[in-house]
């Protein structure tokens, strides 16, 4: 049976309609691909940048960058850039230059230099993360640094030993070196006073006339801390005499040379080796070198939280009072009245060790003032016991007046009055907040705190270690210990002189020439 004639035209129309609705094939598009150092012109039917890269056989690594991104649609005339990104590490070794130190050495003549230690450069390794784009470095980041070898400084010793002085000195000078006593008078060479080898240095003081030396000896195996001895300085064949007093922390002559005052302690095995009694004794020394009329002026007592360290004293110029110092207070004791008074209180310094700090004491020649060092409040508001501040202060011995003459001088400033009372000699800590162990510069100022100037050593040299200095009896020069040497300094000219050799001096006592006080002669 044949289809109706009408059906065929309808079928042809439907087929034409379906053909018109189907997408027409797109002609190839032309793009420019820049990758791996090449520039290529490609014709592609890819729909996206990612498809084009696959078509071109390009594989992207994790850090590679494509512009436009892989999801972008391909357009005719488009430029596609592939940037290859690579990160790698690189280790660079650098040289650390060594420093140079100059160290003062009193064992070398002044001006002489000697190489103590050669300088060696150090090595430092630095690890960098380097970013490369198409082989070109675009970023370098330091990710690690370590020192493989520390540099070693070059150390040069510079001699500071002034020539041995042969000039006249006024009065009598005794000094303690290698646990024995020596004496110097006028232009004489030093003469050994003792050959005992057991002077402990706790007491080492000449009488006002310079005719007798009071000192303590510490015997090995003894049950005592030490013993008090006396020796004539005017007789070449003098024999040391025991005074029958043991376990002393301090002792000194009265200004008239007739009385000795002392304080004692109880020996202990635990550090520091004693426990202070915080007492006070006096006795009269006869012409026969016998200590009589012994009196206990202050009974033994605990002495506060740091009382185990003991109490130190200093005679007033008129011999009627003694200033006393403990780790937390300073005061006066009137010998005639037997009365004590406190001039200043402060927080004790927490040393975190088996020692305690106590202020030094210096009477003005007129007996009106006491120059000392006070432990000040913490600059950060922390516990007062931890404060690193130590100020040079002036305390009135008569009316309660006090004043700070120089702030932050350090705990070992040890002020000393000029014999005429016109000036104060003191030490200035090189690092005030680390004054416990740092060096000091010897400084001078007027008695009212004005006209302050520093004398020795220069800034570029190490500071002094021992806070022990004194005016000459005539007030024209200053004697101090520099690296174990007795050194004289003229404060006006800066001239230095040396009075000892060997580098082992730890104490000295210098008295002006005067009429010999009792005891006048060795029995």
Protein backbone atom coordinates (compact mmCIF):
# COMPACT_ATOMS: atom_id res chain seq x y z
CA UNK A 1 0.00 0.00 0.00
CA UNK A 2 1.49 3.39 -0.86
CA UNK A 3 1.76 6.24 1.65
CA UNK A 4 -0.40 9.18 1.14
CA UNK A 5 1.16 11.98 -0.83
CA UNK A 6 0.75 14.44 2.06
CA UNK A 7 3.00 12.40 4.43
CA UNK A 8 6.20 12.81 2.43
CA UNK A 9 6.28 16.61 2.53
CA UNK A 10 5.69 16.55 6.28
CA UNK A 11 8.58 14.18 6.86
CA UNK A 12 10.87 16.31 4.77
CA UNK A 13 9.92 19.41 6.74
CA UNK A 14 10.61 17.72 10.12
CA UNK A 15 14.01 16.56 8.97
CA UNK A 16 14.90 20.08 7.86
CA UNK A 17 13.76 21.49 11.20
CA UNK A 18 15.92 19.04 13.21
CA UNK A 19 18.89 19.86 11.07
CA UNK A 20 18.49 23.56 11.79
CA UNK A 21 18.44 23.01 15.63
CA UNK A 22 21.77 21.03 15.82
CA UNK A 23 24.94 23.14 16.76
CA UNK A 24 27.05 24.10 13.89
CA UNK A 25 30.68 22.89 14.04
CA UNK A 26 33.05 25.66 15.33
CA UNK A 27 36.00 26.58 13.22
CA UNK A 28 39.47 26.09 14.88
CA UNK A 29 40.68 29.04 17.01
CA UNK A 30 44.16 30.40 16.96
CA UNK A 31 46.00 30.94 20.29
CA UNK A 32 49.55 31.80 21.35
CA UNK A 33 51.12 29.48 23.95
CA UNK A 34 54.23 30.66 25.79
CA UNK A 35 55.84 27.92 27.87
CA UNK A 36 59.27 26.48 28.67
CA UNK A 37 61.03 29.23 26.75
CA UNK A 38 59.05 28.73 23.55
CA UNK A 39 56.36 30.76 21.86
CA UNK A 40 53.98 28.64 19.78
CA UNK A 41 50.96 29.56 17.65
CA UNK A 42 48.35 26.82 17.86
CA UNK A 43 45.01 26.15 16.29
CA UNK A 44 42.74 24.36 18.67
CA UNK A 45 39.20 23.26 19.17
CA UNK A 46 39.73 22.93 22.98
CA UNK A 47 37.11 24.67 25.07
CA UNK A 48 39.27 25.64 28.13
CA UNK A 49 42.88 26.54 28.84
CA UNK A 50 43.30 23.30 30.77
CA UNK A 51 42.17 21.26 27.76
CA UNK A 52 44.55 23.18 25.55
CA UNK A 53 47.48 22.40 27.84
CA UNK A 54 46.57 18.72 27.79
CA UNK A 55 46.29 18.90 24.01
CA UNK A 56 49.74 20.50 23.84
CA UNK A 57 51.22 17.85 26.14
CA UNK A 58 52.16 20.25 28.94
CA UNK A 59 52.12 18.98 32.55
CA UNK A 60 51.86 21.50 35.36
CA UNK A 61 53.79 21.03 38.64
CA UNK A 62 52.36 22.06 42.00
CA UNK A 63 53.90 25.57 42.03
CA UNK A 64 53.56 26.35 38.31
CA UNK A 65 51.42 29.31 37.40
CA UNK A 66 49.13 29.74 34.31
CA UNK A 67 47.70 32.99 33.04
CA UNK A 68 44.75 32.96 32.30
CA UNK A 69 43.83 30.16 34.74
CA UNK A 70 43.05 26.63 33.54
CA UNK A 71 39.28 27.11 33.86
CA UNK A 72 39.17 30.07 31.48
CA UNK A 73 37.38 29.62 28.10
CA UNK A 74 39.49 29.65 24.98
CA UNK A 75 39.09 32.72 22.81
CA UNK A 76 40.51 33.36 19.41
CA UNK A 77 43.74 35.31 19.58
CA UNK A 78 44.25 34.51 23.29
CA UNK A 79 47.79 34.41 24.73
CA UNK A 80 48.36 31.71 27.34
CA UNK A 81 51.49 31.96 29.49
CA UNK A 82 52.84 29.10 31.59
CA UNK A 83 55.36 30.15 34.27
CA UNK A 84 57.45 27.33 35.72
CA UNK A 85 57.97 27.92 39.47
CA UNK A 86 60.67 26.05 41.38
CA UNK A 87 61.74 26.33 45.02
CA UNK A 88 65.04 25.04 46.33
CA UNK A 89 67.30 25.53 49.35
CA UNK A 90 70.82 26.85 49.38
CA UNK A 91 73.33 26.80 52.27
CA UNK A 92 75.77 29.70 52.45
CA UNK A 93 78.77 29.64 54.80
CA UNK A 94 79.92 33.02 56.08
CA UNK A 95 82.98 34.05 58.06
CA UNK A 96 82.41 35.77 61.42
CA UNK A 97 85.23 38.23 62.07
CA UNK A 98 86.97 37.92 65.41
CA UNK A 99 87.09 40.78 67.89
CA UNK A 100 90.07 42.35 69.55
CA UNK A 101 90.46 42.84 73.28
CA UNK A 102 93.02 44.90 75.10
CA UNK A 103 93.70 43.73 78.64
CA UNK A 104 95.65 45.73 81.17
CA UNK A 105 98.36 43.66 82.79
CA UNK A 106 100.24 45.01 85.78
CA UNK A 107 102.92 42.31 85.40
CA UNK A 108 104.19 43.94 82.18
CA UNK A 109 106.11 47.22 82.14
CA UNK A 110 104.06 50.23 81.19
CA UNK A 111 103.65 50.53 77.41
CA UNK A 112 104.79 46.98 76.58
CA UNK A 113 102.41 44.79 74.55
CA UNK A 114 102.18 41.02 74.29
CA UNK A 115 99.89 38.73 72.30
CA UNK A 116 98.04 36.51 74.75
CA UNK A 117 95.66 34.80 72.32
CA UNK A 118 95.50 34.76 68.53
CA UNK A 119 92.22 35.67 66.90
CA UNK A 120 90.29 32.98 65.01
CA UNK A 121 87.30 33.79 62.78
CA UNK A 122 84.08 31.91 63.32
CA UNK A 123 81.78 30.23 60.81
CA UNK A 124 78.08 30.84 60.33
CA UNK A 125 75.78 28.75 58.10
CA UNK A 126 72.68 30.34 56.59
CA UNK A 127 70.00 28.28 54.83
CA UNK A 128 67.91 30.16 52.24
CA UNK A 129 64.72 29.17 50.41
CA UNK A 130 65.09 30.36 46.83
CA UNK A 131 62.14 30.80 44.44
CA UNK A 132 62.85 30.57 40.69
CA UNK A 133 60.43 31.56 37.96
CA UNK A 134 61.42 30.16 34.56
CA UNK A 135 64.92 29.67 35.94
CA UNK A 136 65.27 33.24 37.21
CA UNK A 137 65.59 33.91 41.00
CA UNK A 138 62.76 36.14 42.15
CA UNK A 139 62.86 35.63 45.94
CA UNK A 140 65.38 34.57 48.61
CA UNK A 141 64.19 33.94 52.18
CA UNK A 142 66.39 33.08 55.19
CA UNK A 143 64.84 30.04 56.88
CA UNK A 144 67.63 28.87 59.22
CA UNK A 145 70.84 30.21 60.71
CA UNK A 146 73.37 28.56 62.99
CA UNK A 147 76.91 29.22 64.16
CA UNK A 148 79.15 26.32 63.32
CA UNK A 149 82.18 27.75 65.10
CA UNK A 150 82.34 30.69 67.49
CA UNK A 151 84.99 33.31 66.78
CA UNK A 152 87.89 33.57 69.20
CA UNK A 153 88.95 37.09 70.09
CA UNK A 154 92.47 38.29 69.73
CA UNK A 155 93.72 39.32 73.17
CA UNK A 156 96.59 41.71 73.55
CA UNK A 157 98.15 42.38 76.93
CA UNK A 158 99.13 45.98 77.48
CA UNK A 159 101.56 46.64 80.30
CA UNK A 160 100.39 49.08 82.95
CA UNK A 161 103.06 48.44 85.54
CA UNK A 162 104.46 51.86 86.36
CA UNK A 163 108.14 52.03 87.26
CA UNK A 164 108.98 51.14 90.85
CA UNK A 165 108.89 54.41 92.73
CA UNK A 166 112.00 55.53 94.59
CA UNK A 167 110.52 58.85 95.69
CA UNK A 168 109.98 59.74 99.29
CA UNK A 169 106.72 58.76 100.92
CA UNK A 170 105.50 60.40 104.07
CA UNK A 171 104.82 58.33 107.14
CA UNK A 172 104.77 54.54 107.44
CA UNK A 173 103.16 52.17 104.98
CA UNK A 174 102.50 48.50 105.78
CA UNK A 175 100.99 46.10 103.28
CA UNK A 176 99.88 42.48 103.20
CA UNK A 177 101.09 40.27 100.34
CA UNK A 178 101.18 36.47 100.10
CA UNK A 179 99.94 36.26 103.73
CA UNK A 180 102.91 38.18 105.13
CA UNK A 181 103.45 41.79 106.17
CA UNK A 182 105.84 44.27 104.54
CA UNK A 183 106.75 47.83 105.48
CA UNK A 184 107.96 50.92 103.60
CA UNK A 185 109.30 54.15 105.13
CA UNK A 186 110.52 57.26 103.30
CA UNK A 187 112.68 56.17 100.33
CA UNK A 188 113.52 52.77 101.81
CA UNK A 189 112.90 49.64 99.77
CA UNK A 190 110.10 47.41 101.11
CA UNK A 191 111.15 45.34 104.12
CA UNK A 192 109.48 42.08 105.15
CA UNK A 193 108.01 42.30 108.63
CA UNK A 194 106.84 38.69 109.00
CA UNK A 195 107.73 35.31 107.59
CA UNK A 196 104.67 33.52 108.97
CA UNK A 197 102.60 32.85 105.85
CA UNK A 198 99.32 32.78 107.79
CA UNK A 199 98.05 36.37 108.05
CA UNK A 200 94.38 36.21 107.02
CA UNK A 201 93.92 39.94 106.32
CA UNK A 202 90.77 40.31 108.38
CA UNK A 203 92.64 42.69 110.68
CA UNK A 204 95.65 44.56 109.31
CA UNK A 205 96.16 48.06 110.68
CA UNK A 206 98.99 50.28 111.94
CA UNK A 207 98.62 52.31 115.11
CA UNK A 208 98.37 56.09 114.57
CA UNK A 209 102.12 56.52 115.05
CA UNK A 210 102.97 53.70 112.65
CA UNK A 211 105.14 51.98 115.28
CA UNK A 212 103.03 48.84 115.75
CA UNK A 213 101.03 46.60 113.44
CA UNK A 214 97.86 44.87 114.60
CA UNK A 215 96.95 41.78 112.56
CA UNK A 216 95.16 38.45 112.68
CA UNK A 217 96.60 35.01 111.96
CA UNK A 218 94.66 31.92 110.93
CA UNK A 219 96.29 28.65 111.94
CA UNK A 220 95.61 25.45 110.04
CA UNK A 221 93.73 22.96 112.21
CA UNK A 222 92.92 25.55 114.89
CA UNK A 223 89.51 25.56 116.53
CA UNK A 224 89.48 29.35 116.23
CA UNK A 225 88.66 31.53 113.26
CA UNK A 226 91.85 33.51 113.87
CA UNK A 227 93.95 35.13 116.63
CA UNK A 228 95.01 38.74 117.23
CA UNK A 229 98.73 39.58 117.18
CA UNK A 230 100.94 42.65 117.59
CA UNK A 231 104.30 43.44 116.01
CA UNK A 232 106.71 46.38 116.37
CA UNK A 233 107.57 48.06 113.07
CA UNK A 234 110.57 49.98 114.38
CA UNK A 235 112.74 47.05 115.45
CA UNK A 236 114.30 44.84 112.80
CA UNK A 237 114.39 41.82 115.15
CA UNK A 238 110.89 42.27 116.58
CA UNK A 239 108.91 39.16 117.50
CA UNK A 240 105.14 38.94 116.91
CA UNK A 241 103.21 38.85 120.19
CA UNK A 242 99.81 37.21 120.74
CA UNK A 243 97.22 39.39 122.49
CA UNK A 244 94.99 36.56 123.71
CA UNK A 245 91.94 37.44 121.59
CA UNK A 246 90.45 35.00 119.07
CA UNK A 247 87.68 34.76 116.46
CA UNK A 248 87.71 38.36 115.26
CA UNK A 249 85.71 39.85 112.41
CA UNK A 250 87.05 43.39 112.89
CA UNK A 251 89.51 45.28 115.08
CA UNK A 252 91.14 48.70 114.99
CA UNK A 253 93.07 51.24 117.03
CA UNK A 254 91.42 54.23 118.64
CA UNK A 255 92.58 57.58 117.22
CA UNK A 256 94.94 58.09 120.16
CA UNK A 257 96.44 54.60 119.76
CA UNK A 258 95.77 53.60 123.36
CA UNK A 259 92.63 51.49 122.91
CA UNK A 260 91.71 48.62 120.63
CA UNK A 261 88.11 47.80 119.76
CA UNK A 262 87.01 44.49 118.24
CA UNK A 263 84.02 42.32 117.43
CA UNK A 264 83.90 38.53 117.36
CA UNK A 265 82.21 35.56 115.75
CA UNK A 266 81.60 31.88 116.35
CA UNK A 267 83.49 29.62 113.93
CA UNK A 268 81.29 27.27 111.89
CA UNK A 269 81.97 24.63 109.27
CA UNK A 270 79.18 25.87 107.02
CA UNK A 271 79.86 28.80 104.70
CA UNK A 272 80.99 31.50 105.21
CA UNK A 273 82.82 29.86 108.11
CA UNK A 274 81.48 31.92 111.01
CA UNK A 275 78.40 33.38 112.67
CA UNK A 276 78.77 36.93 113.93
CA UNK A 277 78.17 37.70 117.59
CA UNK A 278 77.36 41.35 116.77
CA UNK A 279 79.14 42.30 119.95
CA UNK A 280 81.72 45.00 120.74
CA UNK A 281 84.78 44.84 122.98
CA UNK A 282 87.45 47.34 123.96
CA UNK A 283 90.79 46.93 125.68
CA UNK A 284 93.76 49.10 126.66
CA UNK A 285 97.20 48.24 125.26
CA UNK A 286 100.02 48.84 127.72
CA UNK A 287 103.62 49.78 126.95
CA UNK A 288 104.45 46.12 127.57
CA UNK A 289 102.09 45.10 124.74
CA UNK A 290 99.53 43.61 127.10
CA UNK A 291 95.82 44.01 126.44
CA UNK A 292 94.20 45.00 129.73
CA UNK A 293 90.89 46.46 130.94
CA UNK A 294 88.92 44.37 128.51
CA UNK A 295 85.28 45.41 128.46
CA UNK A 296 82.31 44.06 126.56
CA UNK A 297 80.53 47.20 125.41
CA UNK A 298 77.74 45.47 123.45
CA UNK A 299 76.53 42.00 124.37
CA UNK A 300 76.24 39.28 121.75
CA UNK A 301 72.93 39.29 119.89
CA UNK A 302 71.24 37.85 116.82
CA UNK A 303 71.59 41.04 114.82
CA UNK A 304 68.56 40.61 112.57
CA UNK A 305 67.92 38.39 109.57
CA UNK A 306 71.45 38.80 108.24
CA UNK A 307 73.07 38.95 111.66
CA UNK A 308 75.19 35.87 110.93
CA UNK A 309 77.41 38.12 108.81
CA UNK A 310 78.30 40.28 111.81
CA UNK A 311 78.68 44.00 112.53
CA UNK A 312 81.49 46.26 111.34
CA UNK A 313 82.64 49.43 113.12
CA UNK A 314 84.62 52.62 112.52
CA UNK A 315 86.12 54.92 115.19
CA UNK A 316 85.04 58.57 115.23
CA UNK A 317 87.94 61.04 114.96
CA UNK A 318 87.58 62.02 118.63
CA UNK A 319 87.48 58.40 119.80
CA UNK A 320 84.22 58.87 121.71
CA UNK A 321 81.90 57.00 119.33
CA UNK A 322 81.94 54.17 116.83
CA UNK A 323 79.82 54.03 113.72
CA UNK A 324 78.41 50.57 113.06
CA UNK A 325 77.13 48.90 109.90
CA UNK A 326 75.05 45.80 109.31
CA UNK A 327 73.50 44.46 106.09
CA UNK A 328 70.27 46.35 106.88
CA UNK A 329 71.23 49.40 108.98
CA UNK A 330 73.84 51.98 109.96
CA UNK A 331 74.13 53.66 113.34
CA UNK A 332 76.26 55.03 116.17
CA UNK A 333 77.42 53.73 119.53
CA UNK A 334 78.40 56.21 122.25
CA UNK A 335 81.20 54.70 124.33
CA UNK A 336 80.72 56.98 127.32
CA UNK A 337 76.96 56.65 127.56
CA UNK A 338 76.76 53.08 126.28
CA UNK A 339 73.91 54.09 123.97
CA UNK A 340 73.15 52.98 120.44
CA UNK A 341 71.17 54.86 117.81
CA UNK A 342 70.20 54.04 114.24
CA UNK A 343 70.94 56.55 111.49
CA UNK A 344 69.59 54.68 108.45
CA UNK A 345 67.66 51.52 107.67
CA UNK A 346 67.37 49.81 104.28
CA UNK A 347 66.45 46.47 102.75
CA UNK A 348 69.32 43.99 102.95
CA UNK A 349 70.68 42.96 99.56
CA UNK A 350 69.75 39.41 98.59
CA UNK A 351 73.04 37.92 97.37
CA UNK A 352 71.69 34.39 96.79
CA UNK A 353 74.96 33.08 98.20
CA UNK A 354 76.83 32.44 101.44
CA UNK A 355 77.85 36.08 101.84
CA UNK A 356 76.15 39.31 102.77
CA UNK A 357 76.74 42.91 101.75
CA UNK A 358 77.28 45.57 104.43
CA UNK A 359 78.08 49.27 103.90
CA UNK A 360 81.54 50.73 104.32
CA UNK A 361 81.92 53.69 106.71
CA UNK A 362 84.04 56.84 106.43
CA UNK A 363 84.04 59.60 109.06
CA UNK A 364 84.64 63.19 108.00
CA UNK A 365 87.76 64.55 109.77
CA UNK A 366 85.61 66.90 111.88
CA UNK A 367 83.42 64.02 113.06
CA UNK A 368 80.18 65.59 111.82
CA UNK A 369 79.35 63.28 108.93
CA UNK A 370 79.63 59.67 107.80
CA UNK A 371 80.02 58.91 104.11
CA UNK A 372 78.67 55.51 103.19
CA UNK A 373 76.78 53.47 100.58
CA UNK A 374 73.06 52.76 101.02
CA UNK A 375 71.03 50.06 99.31
CA UNK A 376 68.30 51.91 97.40
CA UNK A 377 64.82 50.92 96.18
CA UNK A 378 64.35 48.87 93.04
CA UNK A 379 64.02 50.99 89.87
CA UNK A 380 61.41 48.57 88.53
CA UNK A 381 59.29 48.39 91.65
CA UNK A 382 60.26 44.79 92.40
CA UNK A 383 61.20 43.31 95.79
CA UNK A 384 63.52 45.77 97.59
CA UNK A 385 65.95 42.97 98.49
CA UNK A 386 66.63 42.40 94.78
CA UNK A 387 67.32 46.03 93.93
CA UNK A 388 70.66 46.60 92.15
CA UNK A 389 70.79 50.25 93.23
CA UNK A 390 73.52 51.45 95.61
CA UNK A 391 73.90 55.19 96.28
CA UNK A 392 76.72 57.13 97.90
CA UNK A 393 75.11 58.94 100.82
CA UNK A 394 76.02 61.38 103.57
CA UNK A 395 74.65 60.83 107.08
CA UNK A 396 74.87 63.43 109.82
CA UNK A 397 76.29 62.12 113.10
CA UNK A 398 74.57 64.88 115.06
CA UNK A 399 71.16 65.96 113.75
CA UNK A 400 69.61 63.26 111.55
CA UNK A 401 70.38 64.97 108.25
CA UNK A 402 71.03 62.74 105.23
CA UNK A 403 71.61 63.30 101.53
CA UNK A 404 72.52 61.34 98.40
CA UNK A 405 75.82 62.60 97.01
CA UNK A 406 76.12 60.28 94.00
CA UNK A 407 73.42 57.84 92.80
CA UNK A 408 74.08 54.32 91.52
CA UNK A 409 77.78 54.12 92.34
CA UNK A 410 77.76 50.39 93.11
CA UNK A 411 78.00 48.35 96.30
CA UNK A 412 81.81 48.56 96.57
CA UNK A 413 82.11 52.34 96.14
CA UNK A 414 83.98 52.57 99.51
CA UNK A 415 84.10 56.37 100.00
CA UNK A 416 87.17 57.86 101.75
CA UNK A 417 87.54 61.45 102.97
CA UNK A 418 90.52 63.62 102.11
CA UNK A 419 92.61 64.24 105.27
CA UNK A 420 91.39 67.85 105.28
CA UNK A 421 87.77 66.82 104.64
CA UNK A 422 87.60 68.83 101.41
CA UNK A 423 86.94 65.93 99.02
CA UNK A 424 85.64 62.38 98.81
CA UNK A 425 87.40 59.56 97.00
CA UNK A 426 85.12 56.72 95.84
CA UNK A 427 84.68 53.99 93.28
CA UNK A 428 82.15 54.18 90.45
CA UNK A 429 80.92 50.83 89.15
CA UNK A 430 81.45 50.45 85.41
CA UNK A 431 78.09 48.63 85.24
CA UNK A 432 76.09 50.06 88.17
CA UNK A 433 73.37 47.38 88.09
CA UNK A 434 76.01 44.62 88.09
CA UNK A 435 78.28 46.20 90.69
CA UNK A 436 78.75 42.96 92.59
CA UNK A 437 81.38 41.62 90.19
CA UNK A 438 82.15 44.40 87.70
CA UNK A 439 85.16 46.72 87.68
CA UNK A 440 85.31 50.19 89.23
CA UNK A 441 86.70 53.56 88.23
CA UNK A 442 88.39 55.63 90.92
CA UNK A 443 86.58 58.98 91.14
CA UNK A 444 86.79 62.17 93.14
CA UNK A 445 84.33 64.88 94.13
CA UNK A 446 84.10 67.76 96.54
CA UNK A 447 82.72 66.94 99.97
CA UNK A 448 79.33 68.42 99.05
CA UNK A 449 79.01 66.15 95.97
CA UNK A 450 79.97 68.79 93.40
CA UNK A 451 82.84 68.87 90.89
CA UNK A 452 82.72 65.15 90.24
CA UNK A 453 85.52 63.71 88.07
CA UNK A 454 86.92 60.24 87.46
CA UNK A 455 90.66 59.59 87.63
CA UNK A 456 91.67 56.01 86.87
CA UNK A 457 91.68 53.76 84.89
CA UNK A 458 90.70 55.16 81.48
CA UNK A 459 87.37 54.06 79.98
CA UNK A 460 89.02 51.83 77.38
CA UNK A 461 90.76 49.80 80.10
CA UNK A 462 89.33 47.32 82.58
CA UNK A 463 88.13 48.67 85.90
CA UNK A 464 89.74 48.13 89.30
CA UNK A 465 88.83 44.90 91.07
CA UNK A 466 89.56 45.64 94.73
CA UNK A 467 87.67 48.51 96.36
CA UNK A 468 90.61 49.44 98.58
CA UNK A 469 92.10 52.93 98.35
CA UNK A 470 93.40 55.64 100.65
CA UNK A 471 94.78 59.17 100.60
CA UNK A 472 98.42 59.62 101.44
CA UNK A 473 98.80 61.17 104.91
CA UNK A 474 99.66 64.53 103.32
CA UNK A 475 96.60 64.35 101.05
CA UNK A 476 98.61 64.87 97.86
CA UNK A 477 98.38 61.40 96.33
CA UNK A 478 96.12 58.37 96.30
CA UNK A 479 97.23 54.82 97.01
CA UNK A 480 95.21 51.89 95.70
CA UNK A 481 95.58 48.25 94.66
CA UNK A 482 95.68 47.61 90.92
CA UNK A 483 95.98 43.96 89.92
CA UNK A 484 97.72 43.17 93.18
CA UNK A 485 100.16 46.08 92.92
CA UNK A 486 100.36 49.07 95.26
CA UNK A 487 99.91 52.02 92.91
CA UNK A 488 100.33 55.74 93.64
CA UNK A 489 98.32 58.30 91.69
CA UNK A 490 98.73 62.05 91.63
CA UNK A 491 95.13 63.29 91.12
CA UNK A 492 96.33 66.60 89.68
CA UNK A 493 98.79 65.34 87.05
CA UNK A 494 97.64 61.72 86.61
CA UNK A 495 101.20 60.49 87.20
CA UNK A 496 101.45 56.87 88.39
CA UNK A 497 104.05 55.20 90.56
CA UNK A 498 104.42 51.67 91.91
CA UNK A 499 105.41 50.75 95.47
CA UNK A 500 105.33 46.95 95.31
CA UNK A 501 106.05 44.03 93.03
CA UNK A 502 104.63 40.53 92.71
CA UNK A 503 100.94 41.28 92.25
CA UNK A 504 99.78 39.75 95.54
CA UNK A 505 98.87 42.75 97.71
CA UNK A 506 95.39 42.56 99.26
CA UNK A 507 95.51 45.08 102.16
CA UNK A 508 97.53 48.07 103.33
CA UNK A 509 97.64 50.64 106.12
CA UNK A 510 99.31 54.07 105.81
CA UNK A 511 99.94 56.38 108.76
CA UNK A 512 101.41 59.87 108.92
CA UNK A 513 104.65 60.48 110.84
CA UNK A 514 103.89 61.58 114.36
CA UNK A 515 105.08 61.35 117.92
CA UNK A 516 104.98 57.66 118.82
CA UNK A 517 101.92 56.79 120.84
CA UNK A 518 101.84 54.13 123.49
CA UNK A 519 103.12 51.45 123.23
CA UNK A 520 106.33 53.20 122.19
CA UNK A 521 108.75 50.30 122.17
CA UNK A 522 108.81 46.57 121.95
CA UNK A 523 109.33 45.05 125.42
